[in-house]
PDB file of N, CA and C in Angstrom:
ATOM      1  N   MET A   1      28.047  46.787  -8.500  1.00  0.00           N
ATOM      2  CA  MET A   1      27.030  45.780  -8.316  1.00  0.00           C
ATOM      3  C   MET A   1      26.089  45.761  -9.501  1.00  0.00           C
ATOM      4  N   ALA A   2      25.656  44.561  -9.802  1.00  0.00           N
ATOM      5  CA  ALA A   2      24.718  44.432 -10.917  1.00  0.00           C
ATOM      6  C   ALA A   2      23.310  44.775 -10.449  1.00  0.00           C
ATOM      7  N   HIS A   3      22.571  45.427 -11.317  1.00  0.00           N
ATOM      8  CA  HIS A   3      21.190  45.775 -10.999  1.00  0.00           C
ATOM      9  C   HIS A   3      20.199  44.759 -11.540  1.00  0.00           C
ATOM     10  N   LYS A   4      20.669  43.819 -12.349  1.00  0.00           N
ATOM     11  CA  LYS A   4      19.792  42.779 -12.912  1.00  0.00           C
ATOM     12  C   LYS A   4      20.368  41.404 -12.584  1.00  0.00           C
ATOM     13  N   LYS A   5      19.480  40.423 -12.487  1.00  0.00           N
ATOM     14  CA  LYS A   5      19.957  39.054 -12.248  1.00  0.00           C
ATOM     15  C   LYS A   5      20.629  38.528 -13.503  1.00  0.00           C
ATOM     16  N   GLY A   6      21.532  37.611 -13.304  1.00  0.00           N
ATOM     17  CA  GLY A   6      22.159  36.980 -14.450  1.00  0.00           C
ATOM     18  C   GLY A   6      21.157  36.123 -15.213  1.00  0.00           C
ATOM     19  N   ALA A   7      21.443  35.840 -16.453  1.00  0.00           N
ATOM     20  CA  ALA A   7      20.509  35.107 -17.317  1.00  0.00           C
ATOM     21  C   ALA A   7      20.250  33.686 -16.812  1.00  0.00           C
ATOM     22  N   GLY A   8      21.258  33.063 -16.235  1.00  0.00           N
ATOM     23  CA  GLY A   8      21.089  31.678 -15.796  1.00  0.00           C
ATOM     24  C   GLY A   8      20.179  31.534 -14.599  1.00  0.00           C
ATOM     25  N   SER A   9      20.256  32.441 -13.657  1.00  0.00           N
ATOM     26  CA  SER A   9      19.502  32.298 -12.418  1.00  0.00           C
ATOM     27  C   SER A   9      18.002  32.493 -12.624  1.00  0.00           C
ATOM     28  N   THR A  10      17.586  33.229 -13.606  1.00  0.00           N
ATOM     29  CA  THR A  10      16.159  33.444 -13.834  1.00  0.00           C
ATOM     30  C   THR A  10      15.518  32.307 -14.612  1.00  0.00           C
ATOM     31  N   LYS A  11      16.306  31.523 -15.316  1.00  0.00           N
ATOM     32  CA  LYS A  11      15.755  30.436 -16.111  1.00  0.00           C
ATOM     33  C   LYS A  11      15.820  29.082 -15.410  1.00  0.00           C
ATOM     34  N   ASN A  12      16.395  29.051 -14.226  1.00  0.00           N
ATOM     35  CA  ASN A  12      16.502  27.791 -13.486  1.00  0.00           C
ATOM     36  C   ASN A  12      15.365  27.645 -12.475  1.00  0.00           C
ATOM     37  N   GLY A  13      15.263  26.475 -11.867  1.00  0.00           N
ATOM     38  CA  GLY A  13      14.381  26.298 -10.724  1.00  0.00           C
ATOM     39  C   GLY A  13      12.968  25.848 -11.029  1.00  0.00           C
ATOM     40  N   ARG A  14      12.718  25.291 -12.208  1.00  0.00           N
ATOM     41  CA  ARG A  14      11.375  24.824 -12.522  1.00  0.00           C
ATOM     42  C   ARG A  14      11.423  23.363 -12.970  1.00  0.00           C
ATOM     43  N   ASP A  15      11.832  22.487 -12.117  1.00  0.00           N
ATOM     44  CA  ASP A  15      11.914  21.065 -12.434  1.00  0.00           C
ATOM     45  C   ASP A  15      10.641  20.380 -11.966  1.00  0.00           C
ATOM     46  N   SER A  16      10.193  19.358 -12.702  1.00  0.00           N
ATOM     47  CA  SER A  16       8.959  18.655 -12.323  1.00  0.00           C
ATOM     48  C   SER A  16       9.250  17.630 -11.220  1.00  0.00           C
ATOM     49  N   LYS A  17       8.210  17.275 -10.493  1.00  0.00           N
ATOM     50  CA  LYS A  17       8.343  16.293  -9.422  1.00  0.00           C
ATOM     51  C   LYS A  17       8.517  14.899 -10.009  1.00  0.00           C
ATOM     52  N   ALA A  18       9.208  14.028  -9.299  1.00  0.00           N
ATOM     53  CA  ALA A  18       9.367  12.645  -9.735  1.00  0.00           C
ATOM     54  C   ALA A  18       8.023  11.935  -9.685  1.00  0.00           C
ATOM     55  N   LYS A  19       7.757  11.019 -10.614  1.00  0.00           N
ATOM     56  CA  LYS A  19       6.461  10.363 -10.727  1.00  0.00           C
ATOM     57  C   LYS A  19       6.398   9.001 -10.025  1.00  0.00           C
ATOM     58  N   ARG A  20       7.473   8.547  -9.466  1.00  0.00           N
ATOM     59  CA  ARG A  20       7.527   7.283  -8.709  1.00  0.00           C
ATOM     60  C   ARG A  20       7.063   6.095  -9.549  1.00  0.00           C
ATOM     61  N   LEU A  21       7.611   5.973 -10.752  1.00  0.00           N
ATOM     62  CA  LEU A  21       7.271   4.867 -11.642  1.00  0.00           C
ATOM     63  C   LEU A  21       8.115   3.650 -11.292  1.00  0.00           C
ATOM     64  N   GLY A  22       7.704   2.488 -11.807  1.00  0.00           N
ATOM     65  CA  GLY A  22       8.504   1.281 -11.662  1.00  0.00           C
ATOM     66  C   GLY A  22       7.741   0.133 -11.055  1.00  0.00           C
ATOM     67  N   VAL A  23       8.464  -0.940 -10.798  1.00  0.00           N
ATOM     68  CA  VAL A  23       7.886  -2.162 -10.234  1.00  0.00           C
ATOM     69  C   VAL A  23       7.670  -1.963  -8.742  1.00  0.00           C
ATOM     70  N   LYS A  24       6.462  -2.222  -8.285  1.00  0.00           N
ATOM     71  CA  LYS A  24       6.120  -2.070  -6.870  1.00  0.00           C
ATOM     72  C   LYS A  24       6.098  -3.407  -6.143  1.00  0.00           C
ATOM     73  N   VAL A  25       5.842  -4.501  -6.881  1.00  0.00           N
ATOM     74  CA  VAL A  25       5.782  -5.842  -6.287  1.00  0.00           C
ATOM     75  C   VAL A  25       6.620  -6.773  -7.155  1.00  0.00           C
ATOM     76  N   VAL A  26       7.562  -7.486  -6.552  1.00  0.00           N
ATOM     77  CA  VAL A  26       8.410  -8.408  -7.292  1.00  0.00           C
ATOM     78  C   VAL A  26       7.743  -9.778  -7.392  1.00  0.00           C
ATOM     79  N   GLY A  27       8.288 -10.629  -8.249  1.00  0.00           N
ATOM     80  CA  GLY A  27       7.731 -11.955  -8.459  1.00  0.00           C
ATOM     81  C   GLY A  27       7.746 -12.801  -7.203  1.00  0.00           C
ATOM     82  N   GLY A  28       6.649 -13.524  -6.980  1.00  0.00           N
ATOM     83  CA  GLY A  28       6.537 -14.401  -5.828  1.00  0.00           C
ATOM     84  C   GLY A  28       5.862 -13.761  -4.633  1.00  0.00           C
ATOM     85  N   GLN A  29       5.729 -12.454  -4.618  1.00  0.00           N
ATOM     86  CA  GLN A  29       5.084 -11.782  -3.491  1.00  0.00           C
ATOM     87  C   GLN A  29       3.566 -11.896  -3.606  1.00  0.00           C
ATOM     88  N   PHE A  30       2.897 -11.909  -2.463  1.00  0.00           N
ATOM     89  CA  PHE A  30       1.444 -12.001  -2.401  1.00  0.00           C
ATOM     90  C   PHE A  30       0.842 -10.610  -2.555  1.00  0.00           C
ATOM     91  N   VAL A  31      -0.221 -10.498  -3.374  1.00  0.00           N
ATOM     92  CA  VAL A  31      -0.919  -9.224  -3.554  1.00  0.00           C
ATOM     93  C   VAL A  31      -2.400  -9.396  -3.244  1.00  0.00           C
ATOM     94  N   LYS A  32      -3.013  -8.301  -2.821  1.00  0.00           N
ATOM     95  CA  LYS A  32      -4.448  -8.276  -2.565  1.00  0.00           C
ATOM     96  C   LYS A  32      -5.153  -7.628  -3.751  1.00  0.00           C
ATOM     97  N   ILE A  33      -6.474  -7.718  -3.764  1.00  0.00           N
ATOM     98  CA  ILE A  33      -7.267  -7.143  -4.848  1.00  0.00           C
ATOM     99  C   ILE A  33      -7.064  -5.631  -4.887  1.00  0.00           C
ATOM    100  N   GLY A  34      -6.772  -5.089  -6.078  1.00  0.00           N
ATOM    101  CA  GLY A  34      -6.601  -3.660  -6.261  1.00  0.00           C
ATOM    102  C   GLY A  34      -5.208  -3.144  -5.995  1.00  0.00           C
ATOM    103  N   GLN A  35      -4.318  -3.971  -5.505  1.00  0.00           N
ATOM    104  CA  GLN A  35      -2.962  -3.519  -5.195  1.00  0.00           C
ATOM    105  C   GLN A  35      -2.182  -3.266  -6.480  1.00  0.00           C
ATOM    106  N   ILE A  36      -1.454  -2.158  -6.521  1.00  0.00           N
ATOM    107  CA  ILE A  36      -0.680  -1.791  -7.703  1.00  0.00           C
ATOM    108  C   ILE A  36       0.577  -2.650  -7.778  1.00  0.00           C
ATOM    109  N   ILE A  37       0.806  -3.224  -8.961  1.00  0.00           N
ATOM    110  CA  ILE A  37       1.981  -4.072  -9.181  1.00  0.00           C
ATOM    111  C   ILE A  37       3.070  -3.275  -9.896  1.00  0.00           C
ATOM    112  N   ILE A  38       2.690  -2.523 -10.952  1.00  0.00           N
ATOM    113  CA  ILE A  38       3.659  -1.743 -11.722  1.00  0.00           C
ATOM    114  C   ILE A  38       3.041  -0.407 -12.119  1.00  0.00           C
ATOM    115  N   ARG A  39       3.808   0.664 -11.991  1.00  0.00           N
ATOM    116  CA  ARG A  39       3.446   1.960 -12.566  1.00  0.00           C
ATOM    117  C   ARG A  39       4.397   2.201 -13.726  1.00  0.00           C
ATOM    118  N   GLN A  40       3.847   2.526 -14.905  1.00  0.00           N
ATOM    119  CA  GLN A  40       4.679   2.655 -16.093  1.00  0.00           C
ATOM    120  C   GLN A  40       4.097   3.685 -17.054  1.00  0.00           C
ATOM    121  N   ARG A  41       4.923   4.153 -17.971  1.00  0.00           N
ATOM    122  CA  ARG A  41       4.488   4.990 -19.082  1.00  0.00           C
ATOM    123  C   ARG A  41       4.607   4.143 -20.333  1.00  0.00           C
ATOM    124  N   GLY A  42       3.498   3.881 -20.987  1.00  0.00           N
ATOM    125  CA  GLY A  42       3.492   2.963 -22.122  1.00  0.00           C
ATOM    126  C   GLY A  42       3.368   1.540 -21.618  1.00  0.00           C
ATOM    127  N   SER A  43       3.354   0.593 -22.540  1.00  0.00           N
ATOM    128  CA  SER A  43       3.118  -0.803 -22.157  1.00  0.00           C
ATOM    129  C   SER A  43       4.400  -1.620 -22.203  1.00  0.00           C
ATOM    130  N   ALA A  44       5.374  -1.265 -21.393  1.00  0.00           N
ATOM    131  CA  ALA A  44       6.610  -2.044 -21.312  1.00  0.00           C
ATOM    132  C   ALA A  44       6.322  -3.421 -20.729  1.00  0.00           C
ATOM    133  N   PHE A  45       5.405  -3.488 -19.760  1.00  0.00           N
ATOM    134  CA  PHE A  45       4.939  -4.749 -19.188  1.00  0.00           C
ATOM    135  C   PHE A  45       3.499  -4.951 -19.646  1.00  0.00           C
ATOM    136  N   GLN A  46       3.170  -6.184 -20.063  1.00  0.00           N
ATOM    137  CA  GLN A  46       1.818  -6.491 -20.518  1.00  0.00           C
ATOM    138  C   GLN A  46       1.029  -7.169 -19.408  1.00  0.00           C
ATOM    139  N   ALA A  47      -0.278  -6.954 -19.419  1.00  0.00           N
ATOM    140  CA  ALA A  47      -1.153  -7.559 -18.417  1.00  0.00           C
ATOM    141  C   ALA A  47      -1.476  -8.997 -18.808  1.00  0.00           C
ATOM    142  N   GLY A  48      -1.359  -9.893 -17.844  1.00  0.00           N
ATOM    143  CA  GLY A  48      -1.687 -11.300 -18.055  1.00  0.00           C
ATOM    144  C   GLY A  48      -2.982 -11.660 -17.344  1.00  0.00           C
ATOM    145  N   GLU A  49      -3.026 -12.851 -16.758  1.00  0.00           N
ATOM    146  CA  GLU A  49      -4.226 -13.329 -16.081  1.00  0.00           C
ATOM    147  C   GLU A  49      -4.381 -12.682 -14.708  1.00  0.00           C
ATOM    148  N   ASN A  50      -5.610 -12.333 -14.383  1.00  0.00           N
ATOM    149  CA  ASN A  50      -5.996 -11.802 -13.070  1.00  0.00           C
ATOM    150  C   ASN A  50      -5.357 -10.465 -12.733  1.00  0.00           C
ATOM    151  N   VAL A  51      -4.951  -9.706 -13.758  1.00  0.00           N
ATOM    152  CA  VAL A  51      -4.475  -8.343 -13.555  1.00  0.00           C
ATOM    153  C   VAL A  51      -5.194  -7.424 -14.529  1.00  0.00           C
ATOM    154  N   GLY A  52      -5.296  -6.144 -14.161  1.00  0.00           N
ATOM    155  CA  GLY A  52      -5.925  -5.152 -15.013  1.00  0.00           C
ATOM    156  C   GLY A  52      -4.955  -4.046 -15.353  1.00  0.00           C
ATOM    157  N   THR A  53      -5.326  -3.255 -16.382  1.00  0.00           N
ATOM    158  CA  THR A  53      -4.497  -2.132 -16.801  1.00  0.00           C
ATOM    159  C   THR A  53      -5.293  -0.848 -16.686  1.00  0.00           C
ATOM    160  N   GLY A  54      -4.733   0.141 -16.017  1.00  0.00           N
ATOM    161  CA  GLY A  54      -5.377   1.438 -15.880  1.00  0.00           C
ATOM    162  C   GLY A  54      -5.160   2.290 -17.112  1.00  0.00           C
ATOM    163  N   LYS A  55      -5.807   3.467 -17.146  1.00  0.00           N
ATOM    164  CA  LYS A  55      -5.683   4.338 -18.311  1.00  0.00           C
ATOM    165  C   LYS A  55      -4.281   4.911 -18.454  1.00  0.00           C
ATOM    166  N   ASP A  56      -3.504   4.939 -17.381  1.00  0.00           N
ATOM    167  CA  ASP A  56      -2.115   5.384 -17.452  1.00  0.00           C
ATOM    168  C   ASP A  56      -1.155   4.194 -17.488  1.00  0.00           C
ATOM    169  N   TYR A  57      -1.650   3.027 -17.917  1.00  0.00           N
ATOM    170  CA  TYR A  57      -0.881   1.778 -18.069  1.00  0.00           C
ATOM    171  C   TYR A  57      -0.428   1.173 -16.747  1.00  0.00           C
ATOM    172  N   THR A  58      -1.011   1.598 -15.642  1.00  0.00           N
ATOM    173  CA  THR A  58      -0.709   0.991 -14.348  1.00  0.00           C
ATOM    174  C   THR A  58      -1.288  -0.414 -14.318  1.00  0.00           C
ATOM    175  N   ILE A  59      -0.508  -1.375 -13.870  1.00  0.00           N
ATOM    176  CA  ILE A  59      -0.971  -2.758 -13.761  1.00  0.00           C
ATOM    177  C   ILE A  59      -1.296  -3.040 -12.300  1.00  0.00           C
ATOM    178  N   TYR A  60      -2.514  -3.571 -12.065  1.00  0.00           N
ATOM    179  CA  TYR A  60      -2.980  -3.824 -10.708  1.00  0.00           C
ATOM    180  C   TYR A  60      -3.645  -5.190 -10.632  1.00  0.00           C
ATOM    181  N   ALA A  61      -3.750  -5.730  -9.428  1.00  0.00           N
ATOM    182  CA  ALA A  61      -4.296  -7.072  -9.214  1.00  0.00           C
ATOM    183  C   ALA A  61      -5.820  -7.051  -9.207  1.00  0.00           C
ATOM    184  N   LEU A  62      -6.435  -7.999  -9.924  1.00  0.00           N
ATOM    185  CA  LEU A  62      -7.886  -8.168  -9.911  1.00  0.00           C
ATOM    186  C   LEU A  62      -8.319  -9.242  -8.920  1.00  0.00           C
ATOM    187  N   LYS A  63      -7.388 -10.126  -8.549  1.00  0.00           N
ATOM    188  CA  LYS A  63      -7.666 -11.174  -7.571  1.00  0.00           C
ATOM    189  C   LYS A  63      -6.463 -11.323  -6.655  1.00  0.00           C
ATOM    190  N   GLU A  64      -6.680 -11.949  -5.512  1.00  0.00           N
ATOM    191  CA  GLU A  64      -5.573 -12.193  -4.589  1.00  0.00           C
ATOM    192  C   GLU A  64      -4.743 -13.378  -5.071  1.00  0.00           C
ATOM    193  N   GLY A  65      -3.446 -13.295  -4.888  1.00  0.00           N
ATOM    194  CA  GLY A  65      -2.564 -14.385  -5.284  1.00  0.00           C
ATOM    195  C   GLY A  65      -1.115 -13.926  -5.316  1.00  0.00           C
ATOM    196  N   HIS A  66      -0.272 -14.735  -5.959  1.00  0.00           N
ATOM    197  CA  HIS A  66       1.158 -14.452  -6.046  1.00  0.00           C
ATOM    198  C   HIS A  66       1.500 -13.933  -7.440  1.00  0.00           C
ATOM    199  N   VAL A  67       2.362 -12.925  -7.495  1.00  0.00           N
ATOM    200  CA  VAL A  67       2.745 -12.287  -8.755  1.00  0.00           C
ATOM    201  C   VAL A  67       3.755 -13.151  -9.493  1.00  0.00           C
ATOM    202  N   VAL A  68       3.564 -13.276 -10.824  1.00  0.00           N
ATOM    203  CA  VAL A  68       4.464 -14.050 -11.667  1.00  0.00           C
ATOM    204  C   VAL A  68       4.811 -13.223 -12.902  1.00  0.00           C
ATOM    205  N   TYR A  69       6.098 -13.132 -13.230  1.00  0.00           N
ATOM    206  CA  TYR A  69       6.568 -12.450 -14.421  1.00  0.00           C
ATOM    207  C   TYR A  69       7.036 -13.496 -15.415  1.00  0.00           C
ATOM    208  N   THR A  70       6.589 -13.384 -16.689  1.00  0.00           N
ATOM    209  CA  THR A  70       7.032 -14.285 -17.750  1.00  0.00           C
ATOM    210  C   THR A  70       7.435 -13.459 -18.968  1.00  0.00           C
ATOM    211  N   ASP A  71       8.273 -14.045 -19.831  1.00  0.00           N
ATOM    212  CA  ASP A  71       8.700 -13.370 -21.056  1.00  0.00           C
ATOM    213  C   ASP A  71       7.697 -13.637 -22.166  1.00  0.00           C
ATOM    214  N   THR A  72       7.563 -12.666 -23.090  1.00  0.00           N
ATOM    215  CA  THR A  72       6.730 -12.845 -24.272  1.00  0.00           C
ATOM    216  C   THR A  72       7.619 -12.877 -25.505  1.00  0.00           C
ATOM    217  N   LYS A  73       7.006 -13.133 -26.656  1.00  0.00           N
ATOM    218  CA  LYS A  73       7.776 -13.218 -27.896  1.00  0.00           C
ATOM    219  C   LYS A  73       8.317 -11.864 -28.341  1.00  0.00           C
ATOM    220  N   SER A  74       7.644 -10.791 -27.947  1.00  0.00           N
ATOM    221  CA  SER A  74       8.039  -9.457 -28.396  1.00  0.00           C
ATOM    222  C   SER A  74       8.990  -8.762 -27.414  1.00  0.00           C
ATOM    223  N   ASN A  75       9.812  -9.533 -26.705  1.00  0.00           N
ATOM    224  CA  ASN A  75      10.809  -8.998 -25.767  1.00  0.00           C
ATOM    225  C   ASN A  75      10.197  -8.107 -24.692  1.00  0.00           C
ATOM    226  N   LYS A  76       8.990  -8.438 -24.264  1.00  0.00           N
ATOM    227  CA  LYS A  76       8.349  -7.729 -23.169  1.00  0.00           C
ATOM    228  C   LYS A  76       8.089  -8.730 -22.051  1.00  0.00           C
ATOM    229  N   LYS A  77       7.778  -8.215 -20.892  1.00  0.00           N
ATOM    230  CA  LYS A  77       7.413  -9.064 -19.761  1.00  0.00           C
ATOM    231  C   LYS A  77       5.900  -9.084 -19.630  1.00  0.00           C
ATOM    232  N   LYS A  78       5.381 -10.231 -19.235  1.00  0.00           N
ATOM    233  CA  LYS A  78       3.955 -10.380 -18.980  1.00  0.00           C
ATOM    234  C   LYS A  78       3.777 -10.604 -17.487  1.00  0.00           C
ATOM    235  N   VAL A  79       2.853  -9.854 -16.886  1.00  0.00           N
ATOM    236  CA  VAL A  79       2.626  -9.921 -15.446  1.00  0.00           C
ATOM    237  C   VAL A  79       1.295 -10.616 -15.198  1.00  0.00           C
ATOM    238  N   SER A  80       1.299 -11.634 -14.346  1.00  0.00           N
ATOM    239  CA  SER A  80       0.085 -12.362 -14.004  1.00  0.00           C
ATOM    240  C   SER A  80       0.027 -12.553 -12.496  1.00  0.00           C
ATOM    241  N   VAL A  81      -1.170 -12.919 -12.009  1.00  0.00           N
ATOM    242  CA  VAL A  81      -1.347 -13.259 -10.606  1.00  0.00           C
ATOM    243  C   VAL A  81      -1.857 -14.688 -10.546  1.00  0.00           C
ATOM    244  N   ASN A  82      -1.084 -15.573  -9.934  1.00  0.00           N
ATOM    245  CA  ASN A  82      -1.506 -16.961  -9.751  1.00  0.00           C
ATOM    246  C   ASN A  82      -2.434 -17.050  -8.555  1.00  0.00           C
ATOM    247  N   LEU A  83      -3.570 -17.695  -8.756  1.00  0.00           N
ATOM    248  CA  LEU A  83      -4.550 -17.830  -7.687  1.00  0.00           C
ATOM    249  C   LEU A  83      -4.143 -18.926  -6.723  1.00  0.00           C
ATOM    250  N   GLN A  84      -4.718 -18.887  -5.536  1.00  0.00           N
ATOM    251  CA  GLN A  84      -4.508 -19.967  -4.587  1.00  0.00           C
ATOM    252  C   GLN A  84      -5.257 -21.193  -5.086  1.00  0.00           C
ATOM    253  N   SER A  85      -4.860 -22.362  -4.648  1.00  0.00           N
ATOM    254  CA  SER A  85      -5.409 -23.610  -5.190  1.00  0.00           C
ATOM    255  C   SER A  85      -6.908 -23.726  -4.992  1.00  0.00           C
ATOM    256  N   TRP A  86      -7.455 -23.303  -3.837  1.00  0.00           N
ATOM    257  CA  TRP A  86      -8.895 -23.408  -3.614  1.00  0.00           C
ATOM    258  C   TRP A  86      -9.664 -22.473  -4.526  1.00  0.00           C
ATOM    259  N   GLU A  87      -9.083 -21.326  -4.850  1.00  0.00           N
ATOM    260  CA  GLU A  87      -9.771 -20.385  -5.730  1.00  0.00           C
ATOM    261  C   GLU A  87      -9.745 -20.864  -7.179  1.00  0.00           C
ATOM    262  N   LYS A  88      -8.668 -21.548  -7.588  1.00  0.00           N
ATOM    263  CA  LYS A  88      -8.623 -22.140  -8.924  1.00  0.00           C
ATOM    264  C   LYS A  88      -9.740 -23.161  -9.095  1.00  0.00           C
ATOM    265  N   LEU A  89      -9.973 -23.960  -8.058  1.00  0.00           N
ATOM    266  CA  LEU A  89     -11.021 -24.970  -8.097  1.00  0.00           C
ATOM    267  C   LEU A  89     -12.397 -24.324  -8.241  1.00  0.00           C
ATOM    268  N   ILE A  90     -12.666 -23.295  -7.467  1.00  0.00           N
ATOM    269  CA  ILE A  90     -13.975 -22.641  -7.485  1.00  0.00           C
ATOM    270  C   ILE A  90     -14.225 -21.922  -8.802  1.00  0.00           C
ATOM    271  N   THR A  91     -13.214 -21.194  -9.321  1.00  0.00           N
ATOM    272  CA  THR A  91     -13.403 -20.505 -10.599  1.00  0.00           C
ATOM    273  C   THR A  91     -13.494 -21.504 -11.750  1.00  0.00           C
ATOM    274  N   GLY A  92     -12.855 -22.651 -11.623  1.00  0.00           N
ATOM    275  CA  GLY A  92     -12.973 -23.700 -12.639  1.00  0.00           C
ATOM    276  C   GLY A  92     -14.374 -24.281 -12.714  1.00  0.00           C
ATOM    277  N   ILE A  93     -15.057 -24.344 -11.577  1.00  0.00           N
ATOM    278  CA  ILE A  93     -16.431 -24.844 -11.529  1.00  0.00           C
ATOM    279  C   ILE A  93     -17.385 -23.837 -12.161  1.00  0.00           C
ATOM    280  N   GLY A  94     -17.071 -22.549 -12.046  1.00  0.00           N
ATOM    281  CA  GLY A  94     -17.917 -21.537 -12.662  1.00  0.00           C
ATOM    282  C   GLY A  94     -18.365 -20.431 -11.741  1.00  0.00           C
ATOM    283  N   TYR A  95     -17.911 -20.411 -10.494  1.00  0.00           N
ATOM    284  CA  TYR A  95     -18.253 -19.327  -9.567  1.00  0.00           C
ATOM    285  C   TYR A  95     -17.225 -18.214  -9.685  1.00  0.00           C
ATOM    286  N   SER A  96     -17.670 -16.984  -9.399  1.00  0.00           N
ATOM    287  CA  SER A  96     -16.757 -15.851  -9.542  1.00  0.00           C
ATOM    288  C   SER A  96     -15.754 -15.767  -8.398  1.00  0.00           C
ATOM    289  N   ASP A  97     -16.199 -16.105  -7.172  1.00  0.00           N
ATOM    290  CA  ASP A  97     -15.298 -16.056  -6.025  1.00  0.00           C
ATOM    291  C   ASP A  97     -15.825 -16.953  -4.910  1.00  0.00           C
ATOM    292  N   TRP A  98     -15.115 -16.983  -3.795  1.00  0.00           N
ATOM    293  CA  TRP A  98     -15.424 -17.856  -2.677  1.00  0.00           C
ATOM    294  C   TRP A  98     -16.784 -17.524  -2.054  1.00  0.00           C
ATOM    295  N   PHE A  99     -17.112 -16.237  -1.954  1.00  0.00           N
ATOM    296  CA  PHE A  99     -18.334 -15.816  -1.289  1.00  0.00           C
ATOM    297  C   PHE A  99     -19.582 -16.255  -2.055  1.00  0.00           C
ATOM    298  N   SER A 100     -19.551 -16.191  -3.376  1.00  0.00           N
ATOM    299  CA  SER A 100     -20.709 -16.654  -4.139  1.00  0.00           C
ATOM    300  C   SER A 100     -20.854 -18.178  -4.042  1.00  0.00           C
ATOM    301  N   PHE A 101     -19.751 -18.895  -3.905  1.00  0.00           N
ATOM    302  CA  PHE A 101     -19.796 -20.347  -3.727  1.00  0.00           C
ATOM    303  C   PHE A 101     -20.401 -20.710  -2.366  1.00  0.00           C
ATOM    304  N   VAL A 102     -20.009 -20.002  -1.312  1.00  0.00           N
ATOM    305  CA  VAL A 102     -20.478 -20.284   0.040  1.00  0.00           C
ATOM    306  C   VAL A 102     -21.962 -19.955   0.189  1.00  0.00           C
ATOM    307  N   LYS A 103     -22.439 -18.898  -0.458  1.00  0.00           N
ATOM    308  CA  LYS A 103     -23.835 -18.513  -0.370  1.00  0.00           C
ATOM    309  C   LYS A 103     -24.754 -19.592  -0.906  1.00  0.00           C
ATOM    310  N   LEU A 104     -24.333 -20.285  -1.949  1.00  0.00           N
ATOM    311  CA  LEU A 104     -25.186 -21.280  -2.582  1.00  0.00           C
ATOM    312  C   LEU A 104     -25.117 -22.634  -1.900  1.00  0.00           C
ATOM    313  N   VAL A 105     -24.098 -22.864  -1.081  1.00  0.00           N
ATOM    314  CA  VAL A 105     -23.950 -24.168  -0.416  1.00  0.00           C
ATOM    315  C   VAL A 105     -24.791 -24.259   0.811  1.00  0.00           C
TER     316      VAL A 105
END
């Protein structure tokens, strides 16, 4: 019998946990404010309108609406959130959201 472990068994068994990266919301789906759309390392997907980018390049929704993916010139995808029609009207007038519009009316 061997009194020492083999070389392979002592060097194995230290794998890192999966980070659960990737697309969380596909195009056309409705998202709420703050909902994560994509988790990524680096900027494979670029932030478009009504989305923000976290310090770890996570893309999340800044407003409620439907997710839209478009191509850019640099062979990357651009992620945006299309607003609902009533919210487009209100932000076009100059209000930040529905609640500030209702307060003044």
